[in-house]
Amino acid sequence: MPDVVESYPDLAARILGRAARLGRTRLVAVDGPSGAGKSSFAGRLAAALPGTPVVNTDDLLDGWADQFSFWPRLDEWVLGPLRAGRPGRYRRYDWAAGGFTEEWIPVPPAPVVILEGVSSARAAIAAELTFAVFVTAPAGLRRSRTLARDGAAILPQLTVWRRAERVHFAADRTAERADLVVDGAAAPAKDGSGRFVRLGGKS
């Protein structure tokens, strides 16, 4: 079966054609397991939607043990204000220092805001998402990507993290609910046309 190739500009147009469901903001979640390519996908989608902020959920985690329990912090700092039509803001966690920085990063109530990270499309936010993307890739590739990016020293924490995310995705049925499932292992188009490989999804 040949790959189904789609473009980021076309996806951006589809998102803009949908209604805002978080106040005046179209919230787009880019979810998937560690090392799948979520950050790259979110960055390319944001480039096709000028002025769109990207909030990385890893920045809001209070360390490794906060893998899924960070959500109230995200809701207080970002989602709640956007829901009310006001700017959100958040402090980024410094993984080297082991604490949140003092600087507040603004998140304006833009037409589109991208929320990227593990569990960003969780069922609890589904009703307020305009669009949900699930990025996936083979386990071996994801592991090698993560270790190349963050170093072999994180392997013990990564092993626990990956086990927990498997349990979460199975219980949450995230991929089944996603509007779009993307092949994160596919290489970006070399001609710069901004394309990705679609594996499935509801729309």
N, C-alpha and C. Protein backbone atom coordinates (compact mmCIF):
# COMPACT_ATOMS: atom_id res chain seq x y z
N MET A 1 0.85 -1.19 0.00
CA MET A 1 0.00 0.00 0.00
C MET A 1 0.89 1.24 0.00
N PRO A 2 0.71 2.14 -0.95
CA PRO A 2 1.57 3.33 -1.02
C PRO A 2 1.31 4.28 0.14
N ASP A 3 2.36 5.05 0.48
CA ASP A 3 2.21 6.04 1.53
C ASP A 3 1.19 7.10 1.13
N VAL A 4 0.44 7.58 2.12
CA VAL A 4 -0.46 8.72 1.90
C VAL A 4 0.29 9.97 2.35
N VAL A 5 0.66 10.80 1.40
CA VAL A 5 1.47 11.98 1.70
C VAL A 5 0.58 13.22 1.69
N GLU A 6 0.69 14.00 2.75
CA GLU A 6 -0.08 15.24 2.87
C GLU A 6 0.88 16.39 3.18
N SER A 7 0.38 17.61 3.08
CA SER A 7 1.24 18.78 3.28
C SER A 7 0.82 19.56 4.53
N TYR A 8 1.80 20.22 5.12
CA TYR A 8 1.51 21.06 6.28
C TYR A 8 0.61 22.24 5.94
N PRO A 9 0.81 22.92 4.81
CA PRO A 9 -0.12 24.00 4.47
C PRO A 9 -1.57 23.53 4.33
N ASP A 10 -1.77 22.34 3.75
CA ASP A 10 -3.13 21.82 3.63
C ASP A 10 -3.72 21.52 5.01
N LEU A 11 -2.89 20.94 5.88
CA LEU A 11 -3.36 20.66 7.23
C LEU A 11 -3.68 21.95 7.97
N ALA A 12 -2.84 22.96 7.80
CA ALA A 12 -3.09 24.26 8.43
C ALA A 12 -4.43 24.82 7.99
N ALA A 13 -4.74 24.70 6.70
CA ALA A 13 -6.01 25.21 6.18
C ALA A 13 -7.19 24.45 6.78
N ARG A 14 -7.04 23.14 6.96
CA ARG A 14 -8.10 22.34 7.58
C ARG A 14 -8.35 22.78 9.02
N ILE A 15 -7.27 23.04 9.72
CA ILE A 15 -7.41 23.47 11.12
C ILE A 15 -8.10 24.82 11.21
N LEU A 16 -7.69 25.76 10.36
CA LEU A 16 -8.29 27.08 10.37
C LEU A 16 -9.76 27.05 9.95
N GLY A 17 -10.14 26.01 9.22
CA GLY A 17 -11.53 25.87 8.79
C GLY A 17 -12.43 25.29 9.87
N ARG A 18 -11.85 24.90 10.99
CA ARG A 18 -12.62 24.34 12.10
C ARG A 18 -12.88 25.40 13.17
N ALA A 19 -13.85 25.13 14.00
CA ALA A 19 -14.23 26.08 15.04
C ALA A 19 -13.25 26.06 16.21
N ALA A 20 -13.09 27.21 16.84
CA ALA A 20 -12.35 27.29 18.09
C ALA A 20 -13.20 26.66 19.19
N ARG A 21 -12.55 25.88 20.06
CA ARG A 21 -13.28 25.18 21.11
C ARG A 21 -12.72 25.47 22.50
N LEU A 22 -11.63 26.22 22.55
CA LEU A 22 -11.05 26.66 23.82
C LEU A 22 -11.09 28.19 23.82
N GLY A 23 -12.20 28.76 24.24
CA GLY A 23 -12.39 30.19 24.10
C GLY A 23 -12.40 30.55 22.62
N ARG A 24 -11.56 31.50 22.24
CA ARG A 24 -11.46 31.90 20.83
C ARG A 24 -10.29 31.21 20.13
N THR A 25 -9.70 30.23 20.81
CA THR A 25 -8.50 29.58 20.31
C THR A 25 -8.78 28.18 19.80
N ARG A 26 -8.19 27.86 18.66
CA ARG A 26 -8.20 26.49 18.16
C ARG A 26 -7.00 25.77 18.77
N LEU A 27 -7.25 24.92 19.73
CA LEU A 27 -6.18 24.19 20.39
C LEU A 27 -5.88 22.92 19.60
N VAL A 28 -4.62 22.76 19.19
CA VAL A 28 -4.18 21.59 18.44
C VAL A 28 -3.19 20.82 19.31
N ALA A 29 -3.46 19.55 19.56
CA ALA A 29 -2.56 18.71 20.35
C ALA A 29 -1.74 17.83 19.43
N VAL A 30 -0.43 17.77 19.67
CA VAL A 30 0.47 16.87 18.95
C VAL A 30 1.02 15.90 19.99
N ASP A 31 0.44 14.72 20.02
CA ASP A 31 0.74 13.72 21.04
C ASP A 31 1.51 12.55 20.43
N GLY A 32 1.92 11.63 21.27
CA GLY A 32 2.65 10.45 20.81
C GLY A 32 3.75 10.10 21.78
N PRO A 33 4.34 8.92 21.64
CA PRO A 33 5.37 8.47 22.57
C PRO A 33 6.69 9.23 22.41
N SER A 34 7.56 9.10 23.39
CA SER A 34 8.85 9.78 23.38
C SER A 34 9.67 9.39 22.16
N GLY A 35 10.31 10.39 21.53
CA GLY A 35 11.18 10.15 20.39
C GLY A 35 10.47 9.88 19.08
N ALA A 36 9.15 10.06 19.04
CA ALA A 36 8.40 9.75 17.82
C ALA A 36 8.55 10.83 16.74
N GLY A 37 8.87 12.05 17.16
CA GLY A 37 8.98 13.16 16.21
C GLY A 37 7.93 14.23 16.42
N LYS A 38 7.37 14.30 17.61
CA LYS A 38 6.31 15.27 17.91
C LYS A 38 6.80 16.71 17.77
N SER A 39 7.97 16.99 18.34
CA SER A 39 8.47 18.37 18.32
C SER A 39 8.73 18.84 16.89
N SER A 40 9.30 17.96 16.07
CA SER A 40 9.56 18.33 14.67
C SER A 40 8.25 18.59 13.93
N PHE A 41 7.27 17.71 14.14
CA PHE A 41 5.98 17.89 13.48
C PHE A 41 5.33 19.19 13.93
N ALA A 42 5.31 19.44 15.24
CA ALA A 42 4.69 20.65 15.76
C ALA A 42 5.37 21.91 15.22
N GLY A 43 6.69 21.87 15.12
CA GLY A 43 7.42 23.02 14.58
C GLY A 43 7.09 23.30 13.13
N ARG A 44 6.98 22.24 12.33
CA ARG A 44 6.66 22.42 10.92
C ARG A 44 5.22 22.88 10.73
N LEU A 45 4.32 22.36 11.56
CA LEU A 45 2.93 22.82 11.48
C LEU A 45 2.81 24.29 11.89
N ALA A 46 3.53 24.67 12.94
CA ALA A 46 3.51 26.07 13.38
C ALA A 46 4.04 27.00 12.30
N ALA A 47 5.04 26.54 11.55
CA ALA A 47 5.60 27.36 10.46
C ALA A 47 4.56 27.59 9.37
N ALA A 48 3.62 26.66 9.23
CA ALA A 48 2.55 26.82 8.24
C ALA A 48 1.39 27.65 8.78
N LEU A 49 1.48 28.01 10.06
CA LEU A 49 0.46 28.83 10.73
C LEU A 49 1.17 30.00 11.41
N PRO A 50 1.62 30.99 10.65
CA PRO A 50 2.42 32.08 11.22
C PRO A 50 1.76 32.70 12.45
N GLY A 51 2.58 32.95 13.46
CA GLY A 51 2.09 33.54 14.69
C GLY A 51 1.53 32.55 15.69
N THR A 52 1.65 31.26 15.38
CA THR A 52 1.11 30.23 16.27
C THR A 52 2.14 29.82 17.33
N PRO A 53 1.83 29.99 18.60
CA PRO A 53 2.76 29.55 19.65
C PRO A 53 2.68 28.04 19.84
N VAL A 54 3.81 27.46 20.24
CA VAL A 54 3.89 26.04 20.56
C VAL A 54 4.25 25.92 22.04
N VAL A 55 3.42 25.21 22.79
CA VAL A 55 3.68 24.95 24.20
C VAL A 55 4.09 23.49 24.32
N ASN A 56 5.31 23.25 24.81
CA ASN A 56 5.84 21.91 24.98
C ASN A 56 5.56 21.46 26.41
N THR A 57 4.81 20.37 26.56
CA THR A 57 4.43 19.96 27.91
C THR A 57 5.63 19.57 28.77
N ASP A 58 6.74 19.14 28.14
CA ASP A 58 7.94 18.81 28.92
C ASP A 58 8.42 20.01 29.73
N ASP A 59 8.13 21.22 29.23
CA ASP A 59 8.55 22.42 29.93
C ASP A 59 7.78 22.66 31.22
N LEU A 60 6.63 21.99 31.37
CA LEU A 60 5.78 22.21 32.54
C LEU A 60 5.87 21.09 33.56
N LEU A 61 6.65 20.05 33.24
CA LEU A 61 6.81 18.94 34.17
C LEU A 61 7.75 19.32 35.30
N ASP A 62 7.36 18.98 36.52
CA ASP A 62 8.23 19.20 37.67
C ASP A 62 9.08 17.95 37.89
N GLY A 63 9.92 17.64 36.88
CA GLY A 63 10.79 16.47 36.95
C GLY A 63 10.15 15.22 36.37
N TRP A 64 10.91 14.12 36.39
CA TRP A 64 10.48 12.87 35.77
C TRP A 64 9.21 12.31 36.37
N ALA A 65 9.02 12.48 37.67
CA ALA A 65 7.87 11.88 38.35
C ALA A 65 6.55 12.58 38.03
N ASP A 66 6.63 13.71 37.34
CA ASP A 66 5.45 14.52 37.02
C ASP A 66 4.93 14.22 35.61
N GLN A 67 5.16 13.02 35.12
CA GLN A 67 4.90 12.66 33.73
C GLN A 67 3.46 12.97 33.29
N PHE A 68 2.49 12.69 34.14
CA PHE A 68 1.09 12.92 33.77
C PHE A 68 0.38 13.86 34.74
N SER A 69 0.93 14.07 35.92
CA SER A 69 0.26 14.86 36.95
C SER A 69 0.46 16.36 36.82
N PHE A 70 1.15 16.78 35.76
CA PHE A 70 1.40 18.21 35.54
C PHE A 70 0.16 18.97 35.08
N TRP A 71 -0.89 18.24 34.69
CA TRP A 71 -2.02 18.87 33.99
C TRP A 71 -2.67 20.03 34.74
N PRO A 72 -2.90 19.96 36.05
CA PRO A 72 -3.47 21.13 36.74
C PRO A 72 -2.63 22.39 36.58
N ARG A 73 -1.31 22.23 36.55
CA ARG A 73 -0.43 23.38 36.34
C ARG A 73 -0.64 23.96 34.94
N LEU A 74 -0.71 23.10 33.94
CA LEU A 74 -0.97 23.54 32.57
C LEU A 74 -2.31 24.25 32.48
N ASP A 75 -3.33 23.70 33.14
CA ASP A 75 -4.65 24.31 33.07
C ASP A 75 -4.67 25.67 33.75
N GLU A 76 -4.00 25.78 34.90
CA GLU A 76 -3.97 27.06 35.62
C GLU A 76 -3.20 28.13 34.85
N TRP A 77 -2.06 27.76 34.30
CA TRP A 77 -1.18 28.74 33.69
C TRP A 77 -1.56 29.06 32.23
N VAL A 78 -2.03 28.07 31.51
CA VAL A 78 -2.21 28.25 30.05
C VAL A 78 -3.65 28.04 29.60
N LEU A 79 -4.19 26.86 29.83
CA LEU A 79 -5.49 26.54 29.26
C LEU A 79 -6.62 27.37 29.86
N GLY A 80 -6.61 27.55 31.17
CA GLY A 80 -7.66 28.34 31.82
C GLY A 80 -7.73 29.76 31.29
N PRO A 81 -6.62 30.49 31.26
CA PRO A 81 -6.66 31.83 30.69
C PRO A 81 -7.11 31.86 29.23
N LEU A 82 -6.62 30.94 28.40
CA LEU A 82 -7.04 30.91 27.01
C LEU A 82 -8.54 30.63 26.90
N ARG A 83 -9.02 29.76 27.76
CA ARG A 83 -10.46 29.44 27.79
C ARG A 83 -11.29 30.70 28.04
N ALA A 84 -10.73 31.59 28.84
CA ALA A 84 -11.42 32.84 29.19
C ALA A 84 -11.10 33.98 28.22
N GLY A 85 -10.32 33.67 27.17
CA GLY A 85 -9.97 34.70 26.19
C GLY A 85 -8.85 35.59 26.62
N ARG A 86 -8.11 35.18 27.66
CA ARG A 86 -7.00 35.98 28.17
C ARG A 86 -5.66 35.31 27.84
N PRO A 87 -4.57 36.07 27.85
CA PRO A 87 -3.26 35.45 27.61
C PRO A 87 -2.90 34.48 28.73
N GLY A 88 -2.27 33.38 28.35
CA GLY A 88 -1.71 32.46 29.33
C GLY A 88 -0.22 32.73 29.47
N ARG A 89 0.40 32.02 30.38
CA ARG A 89 1.84 32.12 30.55
C ARG A 89 2.30 30.91 31.35
N TYR A 90 3.58 30.59 31.24
CA TYR A 90 4.11 29.47 32.01
C TYR A 90 5.59 29.68 32.29
N ARG A 91 6.07 28.99 33.32
CA ARG A 91 7.49 28.98 33.64
C ARG A 91 8.06 27.65 33.17
N ARG A 92 9.21 27.70 32.54
CA ARG A 92 9.84 26.50 31.98
C ARG A 92 10.68 25.78 33.05
N TYR A 93 10.52 24.46 33.10
CA TYR A 93 11.31 23.66 34.03
C TYR A 93 12.73 23.50 33.50
N ASP A 94 13.71 23.77 34.35
CA ASP A 94 15.12 23.61 34.01
C ASP A 94 15.55 22.22 34.47
N TRP A 95 15.70 21.31 33.52
CA TRP A 95 15.99 19.92 33.85
C TRP A 95 17.39 19.77 34.47
N ALA A 96 18.31 20.66 34.14
CA ALA A 96 19.65 20.58 34.71
C ALA A 96 19.65 21.09 36.16
N ALA A 97 18.92 22.17 36.39
CA ALA A 97 18.90 22.77 37.73
C ALA A 97 17.89 22.08 38.65
N GLY A 98 16.91 21.41 38.06
CA GLY A 98 15.91 20.72 38.86
C GLY A 98 14.85 21.62 39.45
N GLY A 99 14.46 22.65 38.71
CA GLY A 99 13.42 23.57 39.21
C GLY A 99 12.94 24.48 38.09
N PHE A 100 11.85 25.19 38.35
CA PHE A 100 11.30 26.10 37.35
C PHE A 100 12.08 27.41 37.34
N THR A 101 12.25 27.97 36.15
CA THR A 101 12.92 29.26 36.01
C THR A 101 11.99 30.37 36.52
N GLU A 102 12.54 31.55 36.73
CA GLU A 102 11.75 32.68 37.19
C GLU A 102 11.00 33.36 36.04
N GLU A 103 11.49 33.20 34.83
CA GLU A 103 10.90 33.89 33.68
C GLU A 103 9.56 33.27 33.29
N TRP A 104 8.58 34.14 33.03
CA TRP A 104 7.28 33.70 32.55
C TRP A 104 7.24 33.84 31.03
N ILE A 105 6.83 32.79 30.35
CA ILE A 105 6.74 32.79 28.89
C ILE A 105 5.29 33.02 28.50
N PRO A 106 5.00 34.07 27.73
CA PRO A 106 3.61 34.38 27.40
C PRO A 106 3.04 33.45 26.33
N VAL A 107 1.74 33.18 26.44
CA VAL A 107 1.01 32.41 25.43
C VAL A 107 -0.23 33.22 25.07
N PRO A 108 -0.20 33.96 23.98
CA PRO A 108 -1.34 34.80 23.62
C PRO A 108 -2.54 33.96 23.17
N PRO A 109 -3.75 34.50 23.30
CA PRO A 109 -4.94 33.79 22.81
C PRO A 109 -5.02 33.88 21.29
N ALA A 110 -4.06 33.26 20.63
CA ALA A 110 -3.93 33.31 19.18
C ALA A 110 -5.03 32.46 18.52
N PRO A 111 -5.26 32.65 17.23
CA PRO A 111 -6.25 31.82 16.54
C PRO A 111 -5.98 30.33 16.68
N VAL A 112 -4.66 29.96 16.70
CA VAL A 112 -4.27 28.57 16.89
C VAL A 112 -3.14 28.52 17.92
N VAL A 113 -3.23 27.59 18.86
CA VAL A 113 -2.15 27.30 19.80
C VAL A 113 -1.88 25.80 19.71
N ILE A 114 -0.60 25.43 19.58
CA ILE A 114 -0.22 24.03 19.50
C ILE A 114 0.32 23.58 20.86
N LEU A 115 -0.26 22.50 21.37
CA LEU A 115 0.19 21.88 22.62
C LEU A 115 0.88 20.58 22.24
N GLU A 116 2.18 20.49 22.52
CA GLU A 116 2.98 19.34 22.05
C GLU A 116 3.56 18.58 23.23
N GLY A 117 3.40 17.26 23.22
CA GLY A 117 4.02 16.45 24.24
C GLY A 117 3.19 15.23 24.60
N VAL A 118 3.80 14.33 25.36
CA VAL A 118 3.12 13.10 25.77
C VAL A 118 1.90 13.43 26.62
N SER A 119 0.77 12.93 26.23
CA SER A 119 -0.54 13.08 26.87
C SER A 119 -1.22 14.41 26.57
N SER A 120 -0.69 15.18 25.61
CA SER A 120 -1.31 16.48 25.29
C SER A 120 -2.70 16.34 24.69
N ALA A 121 -3.01 15.18 24.11
CA ALA A 121 -4.34 14.95 23.53
C ALA A 121 -5.17 14.03 24.43
N ARG A 122 -4.86 13.99 25.70
CA ARG A 122 -5.57 13.10 26.63
C ARG A 122 -7.07 13.34 26.60
N ALA A 123 -7.83 12.34 26.99
CA ALA A 123 -9.29 12.39 26.89
C ALA A 123 -9.88 13.58 27.65
N ALA A 124 -9.21 14.01 28.71
CA ALA A 124 -9.73 15.10 29.53
C ALA A 124 -9.87 16.42 28.77
N ILE A 125 -9.08 16.61 27.71
CA ILE A 125 -9.12 17.86 26.94
C ILE A 125 -9.78 17.67 25.58
N ALA A 126 -10.21 16.46 25.26
CA ALA A 126 -10.71 16.14 23.92
C ALA A 126 -11.83 17.07 23.47
N ALA A 127 -12.75 17.42 24.37
CA ALA A 127 -13.89 18.24 23.99
C ALA A 127 -13.49 19.66 23.60
N GLU A 128 -12.29 20.09 24.04
CA GLU A 128 -11.86 21.46 23.73
C GLU A 128 -10.77 21.51 22.66
N LEU A 129 -10.43 20.35 22.11
CA LEU A 129 -9.45 20.31 21.03
C LEU A 129 -10.12 20.54 19.69
N THR A 130 -9.53 21.41 18.89
CA THR A 130 -9.98 21.56 17.51
C THR A 130 -9.43 20.44 16.65
N PHE A 131 -8.20 19.98 16.98
CA PHE A 131 -7.56 18.95 16.17
C PHE A 131 -6.56 18.19 17.03
N ALA A 132 -6.53 16.87 16.88
CA ALA A 132 -5.59 16.03 17.62
C ALA A 132 -4.74 15.22 16.65
N VAL A 133 -3.42 15.29 16.84
CA VAL A 133 -2.46 14.56 16.02
C VAL A 133 -1.73 13.56 16.91
N PHE A 134 -1.55 12.35 16.42
CA PHE A 134 -0.76 11.34 17.13
C PHE A 134 0.40 10.94 16.23
N VAL A 135 1.63 11.18 16.70
CA VAL A 135 2.83 10.87 15.94
C VAL A 135 3.44 9.58 16.50
N THR A 136 3.77 8.64 15.62
CA THR A 136 4.30 7.37 16.08
C THR A 136 5.52 6.97 15.25
N ALA A 137 6.32 6.05 15.79
CA ALA A 137 7.51 5.54 15.11
C ALA A 137 7.91 4.25 15.81
N PRO A 138 8.71 3.39 15.16
CA PRO A 138 9.14 2.14 15.78
C PRO A 138 9.89 2.38 17.09
N ALA A 139 9.73 1.45 18.03
CA ALA A 139 10.29 1.61 19.37
C ALA A 139 11.81 1.79 19.36
N GLY A 140 12.51 1.00 18.53
CA GLY A 140 13.97 1.11 18.48
C GLY A 140 14.44 2.47 18.01
N LEU A 141 13.78 3.00 17.00
CA LEU A 141 14.14 4.32 16.48
C LEU A 141 13.86 5.39 17.51
N ARG A 142 12.75 5.28 18.19
CA ARG A 142 12.40 6.27 19.21
C ARG A 142 13.42 6.27 20.35
N ARG A 143 13.84 5.08 20.74
CA ARG A 143 14.83 4.97 21.81
C ARG A 143 16.16 5.60 21.40
N SER A 144 16.62 5.29 20.20
CA SER A 144 17.91 5.82 19.75
C SER A 144 17.85 7.34 19.59
N ARG A 145 16.74 7.85 19.12
CA ARG A 145 16.59 9.31 19.00
C ARG A 145 16.67 9.99 20.36
N THR A 146 15.94 9.44 21.33
CA THR A 146 15.90 10.05 22.65
C THR A 146 17.26 10.04 23.32
N LEU A 147 17.97 8.92 23.23
CA LEU A 147 19.29 8.83 23.85
C LEU A 147 20.30 9.72 23.14
N ALA A 148 20.18 9.85 21.80
CA ALA A 148 21.07 10.74 21.07
C ALA A 148 20.85 12.20 21.46
N ARG A 149 19.61 12.52 21.75
CA ARG A 149 19.27 13.90 22.11
C ARG A 149 19.62 14.23 23.55
N ASP A 150 19.32 13.29 24.47
CA ASP A 150 19.42 13.59 25.89
C ASP A 150 20.56 12.88 26.61
N GLY A 151 21.22 11.93 25.93
CA GLY A 151 22.34 11.24 26.54
C GLY A 151 21.96 9.93 27.22
N ALA A 152 22.92 9.01 27.29
CA ALA A 152 22.66 7.68 27.85
C ALA A 152 22.39 7.72 29.35
N ALA A 153 22.75 8.80 30.02
CA ALA A 153 22.55 8.87 31.47
C ALA A 153 21.08 8.82 31.87
N ILE A 154 20.19 9.16 30.94
CA ILE A 154 18.76 9.18 31.27
C ILE A 154 18.10 7.82 31.08
N LEU A 155 18.86 6.79 30.67
CA LEU A 155 18.26 5.50 30.34
C LEU A 155 17.40 4.93 31.46
N PRO A 156 17.80 4.96 32.73
CA PRO A 156 16.93 4.42 33.77
C PRO A 156 15.58 5.14 33.84
N GLN A 157 15.62 6.47 33.79
CA GLN A 157 14.36 7.24 33.83
C GLN A 157 13.54 7.01 32.56
N LEU A 158 14.23 6.91 31.43
CA LEU A 158 13.54 6.71 30.16
C LEU A 158 12.81 5.38 30.14
N THR A 159 13.41 4.35 30.70
CA THR A 159 12.78 3.03 30.73
C THR A 159 11.46 3.08 31.49
N VAL A 160 11.46 3.76 32.64
CA VAL A 160 10.24 3.91 33.44
C VAL A 160 9.22 4.76 32.69
N TRP A 161 9.69 5.84 32.08
CA TRP A 161 8.84 6.76 31.32
C TRP A 161 8.12 6.03 30.19
N ARG A 162 8.86 5.24 29.43
CA ARG A 162 8.28 4.57 28.27
C ARG A 162 7.26 3.52 28.69
N ARG A 163 7.53 2.84 29.80
CA ARG A 163 6.57 1.87 30.30
C ARG A 163 5.26 2.57 30.68
N ALA A 164 5.37 3.71 31.36
CA ALA A 164 4.19 4.45 31.80
C ALA A 164 3.41 5.02 30.62
N GLU A 165 4.12 5.50 29.59
CA GLU A 165 3.39 6.07 28.45
C GLU A 165 2.65 4.98 27.67
N ARG A 166 3.20 3.77 27.62
CA ARG A 166 2.48 2.67 26.96
C ARG A 166 1.17 2.37 27.67
N VAL A 167 1.23 2.34 29.00
CA VAL A 167 0.02 2.10 29.79
C VAL A 167 -0.99 3.22 29.56
N HIS A 168 -0.50 4.46 29.57
CA HIS A 168 -1.39 5.61 29.38
C HIS A 168 -2.08 5.57 28.02
N PHE A 169 -1.32 5.37 26.94
CA PHE A 169 -1.91 5.40 25.61
C PHE A 169 -2.92 4.28 25.40
N ALA A 170 -2.65 3.12 26.01
CA ALA A 170 -3.60 2.01 25.89
C ALA A 170 -4.90 2.33 26.61
N ALA A 171 -4.81 2.91 27.81
CA ALA A 171 -6.01 3.23 28.59
C ALA A 171 -6.76 4.42 28.00
N ASP A 172 -6.02 5.41 27.52
CA ASP A 172 -6.61 6.64 27.01
C ASP A 172 -7.14 6.48 25.58
N ARG A 173 -6.64 5.49 24.87
CA ARG A 173 -7.02 5.24 23.46
C ARG A 173 -6.77 6.49 22.60
N THR A 174 -5.64 7.13 22.87
CA THR A 174 -5.30 8.40 22.22
C THR A 174 -5.24 8.27 20.70
N ALA A 175 -4.53 7.28 20.21
CA ALA A 175 -4.37 7.12 18.76
C ALA A 175 -5.71 6.86 18.09
N GLU A 176 -6.59 6.12 18.75
CA GLU A 176 -7.90 5.82 18.17
C GLU A 176 -8.76 7.07 18.04
N ARG A 177 -8.59 8.01 18.95
CA ARG A 177 -9.39 9.24 18.93
C ARG A 177 -8.80 10.33 18.06
N ALA A 178 -7.55 10.17 17.64
CA ALA A 178 -6.85 11.24 16.92
C ALA A 178 -7.49 11.53 15.56
N ASP A 179 -7.46 12.80 15.19
CA ASP A 179 -7.92 13.20 13.85
C ASP A 179 -6.92 12.77 12.80
N LEU A 180 -5.65 12.67 13.20
CA LEU A 180 -4.58 12.36 12.26
C LEU A 180 -3.51 11.55 12.96
N VAL A 181 -3.09 10.44 12.36
CA VAL A 181 -1.97 9.65 12.85
C VAL A 181 -0.84 9.77 11.83
N VAL A 182 0.35 10.14 12.30
CA VAL A 182 1.47 10.49 11.43
C VAL A 182 2.63 9.52 11.62
N ASP A 183 3.30 9.19 10.54
CA ASP A 183 4.50 8.37 10.57
C ASP A 183 5.70 9.25 10.92
N GLY A 184 6.12 9.18 12.17
CA GLY A 184 7.25 10.00 12.61
C GLY A 184 8.60 9.47 12.16
N ALA A 185 8.61 8.27 11.56
CA ALA A 185 9.87 7.70 11.08
C ALA A 185 10.19 8.15 9.67
N ALA A 186 9.20 8.67 8.95
CA ALA A 186 9.41 9.08 7.56
C ALA A 186 10.31 10.31 7.50
N ALA A 187 11.25 10.31 6.60
CA ALA A 187 12.15 11.45 6.44
C ALA A 187 11.39 12.62 5.82
N PRO A 188 11.68 13.87 6.25
CA PRO A 188 11.04 15.03 5.63
C PRO A 188 11.34 15.10 4.14
N ALA A 189 10.42 15.66 3.39
CA ALA A 189 10.63 15.79 1.94
C ALA A 189 11.88 16.61 1.67
N LYS A 190 12.74 16.11 0.81
CA LYS A 190 14.01 16.78 0.53
C LYS A 190 13.85 18.04 -0.31
N ASP A 191 12.70 18.17 -0.96
CA ASP A 191 12.51 19.35 -1.81
C ASP A 191 11.96 20.54 -1.03
N GLY A 192 11.81 20.39 0.29
CA GLY A 192 11.35 21.50 1.11
C GLY A 192 9.89 21.83 0.95
N SER A 193 9.11 20.91 0.40
CA SER A 193 7.70 21.20 0.12
C SER A 193 6.82 21.08 1.36
N GLY A 194 7.35 20.58 2.46
CA GLY A 194 6.58 20.51 3.68
C GLY A 194 5.53 19.44 3.66
N ARG A 195 5.96 18.19 3.58
CA ARG A 195 5.00 17.08 3.52
C ARG A 195 5.27 16.10 4.66
N PHE A 196 4.24 15.32 4.99
CA PHE A 196 4.36 14.27 5.99
C PHE A 196 3.56 13.06 5.53
N VAL A 197 3.82 11.91 6.15
CA VAL A 197 3.15 10.67 5.78
C VAL A 197 2.04 10.38 6.79
N ARG A 198 0.84 10.26 6.28
CA ARG A 198 -0.33 9.98 7.10
C ARG A 198 -0.52 8.47 7.20
N LEU A 199 -0.75 7.98 8.43
CA LEU A 199 -1.02 6.58 8.65
C LEU A 199 -2.48 6.29 8.91
N GLY A 200 -3.22 7.28 9.35
CA GLY A 200 -4.63 7.08 9.66
C GLY A 200 -5.19 8.28 10.37
N GLY A 201 -6.32 8.07 11.05
CA GLY A 201 -6.98 9.16 11.76
C GLY A 201 -8.43 9.29 11.32
N LYS A 202 -9.19 10.05 12.10
CA LYS A 202 -10.63 10.17 11.85
C LYS A 202 -10.96 11.12 10.71
N SER A 203 -10.04 12.05 10.40
CA SER A 203 -10.38 13.03 9.37
C SER A 203 -9.14 13.51 8.65
